[in-house]
Amino acid sequence: MLLGRALIGDTSCFGEVVDDRFHLLVGDVFGEYRRSGQSLPLVDVVLGAPLAGVRLIAVMGGFLEPGTSRPSGAEPMWVPKACNFVSGDGAEIRVPSALRGPVNVEAELAVVVGRPLSGASPAEAAGAIFGWSVFNDVTAAEYVVPGLWATAKSIDGFASWGPWIRRDLTEERVLQGLAITGTVNGVKVQSGNTRHYRFAPSEMLSHVSHRVSLFPGDVVTLGTPLPPPVAAVGDQIVCEVEEVGVLNNHLVAEG
């Protein structure tokens, strides 16, 4: 099941994407909901970010090198991604004139939390997964070298995700391996596979929940294959996760 969000008239509406149609939903997507009976052709709908006003957490160093194993005692690394103006598929990402260096565009799989988690075990965290989405974790490269990761990842507008949340994908399938690819102006610049995650998504959610309580709608991006590609104003970015979706963005200058 693919859950999307679109602006219909002046109203933000959730819908199921089935057979190239957007079936409007009524109710609470984190509780009980149903189809309203109204649907629109998907080509007539502009999908935004699947959820509005979400809290973002970005995993660092999420991938192992192929053929290597996780060192004993390794700890997950993550930072809050506190950017405003999160966008969706087809959106422009504005690069502020205050930035002096390039930006990295990072194709990632993101996991969406479906119910509250605090001090959760990995098994409890796995049961709280609401769904999965494609994420473009844009990062200001000039802040990476001095280690200012939260700043690097929290520039206004430096997050885009969508085009929907896939709800019927299991963590087991994710760990079996889904291809992650990124292209800039039609050239493949990034490639990886979720079978090489350093930590399972449920392990990441568990680790975070022992330090920061998680709530329905929170989004945890699970890391990007290295090295992250560099992009510039004018570039067209495509992030794709196998069996989840394709996310398109265009980098533009601020103003």
Foldseek 3Di string as FASTA:
>chain_A
DWWFWFCDPNDIFIADQDPQKTFTKDDDLLPDIDTPPDIGGNVVTDTKFRDPPAWEKEWPPFFDDPPDAADPPDDTDIDTQAAADEIEFPEAFADEPPQDDWKFWFKFKKWFFRFKFALDDLVVLQVRTQFIWIKTQIFRVVVPVVPPGNVRRHYHRRIYIDSTTDGPDHLVNQLVWKWKWKDKQPHTDFIDISVRTNDRPSNVVNSVNHPDMDGGGHMYTRDGGPDTDTDDQQIWMWIDIPPHGIGIYHYHYDD
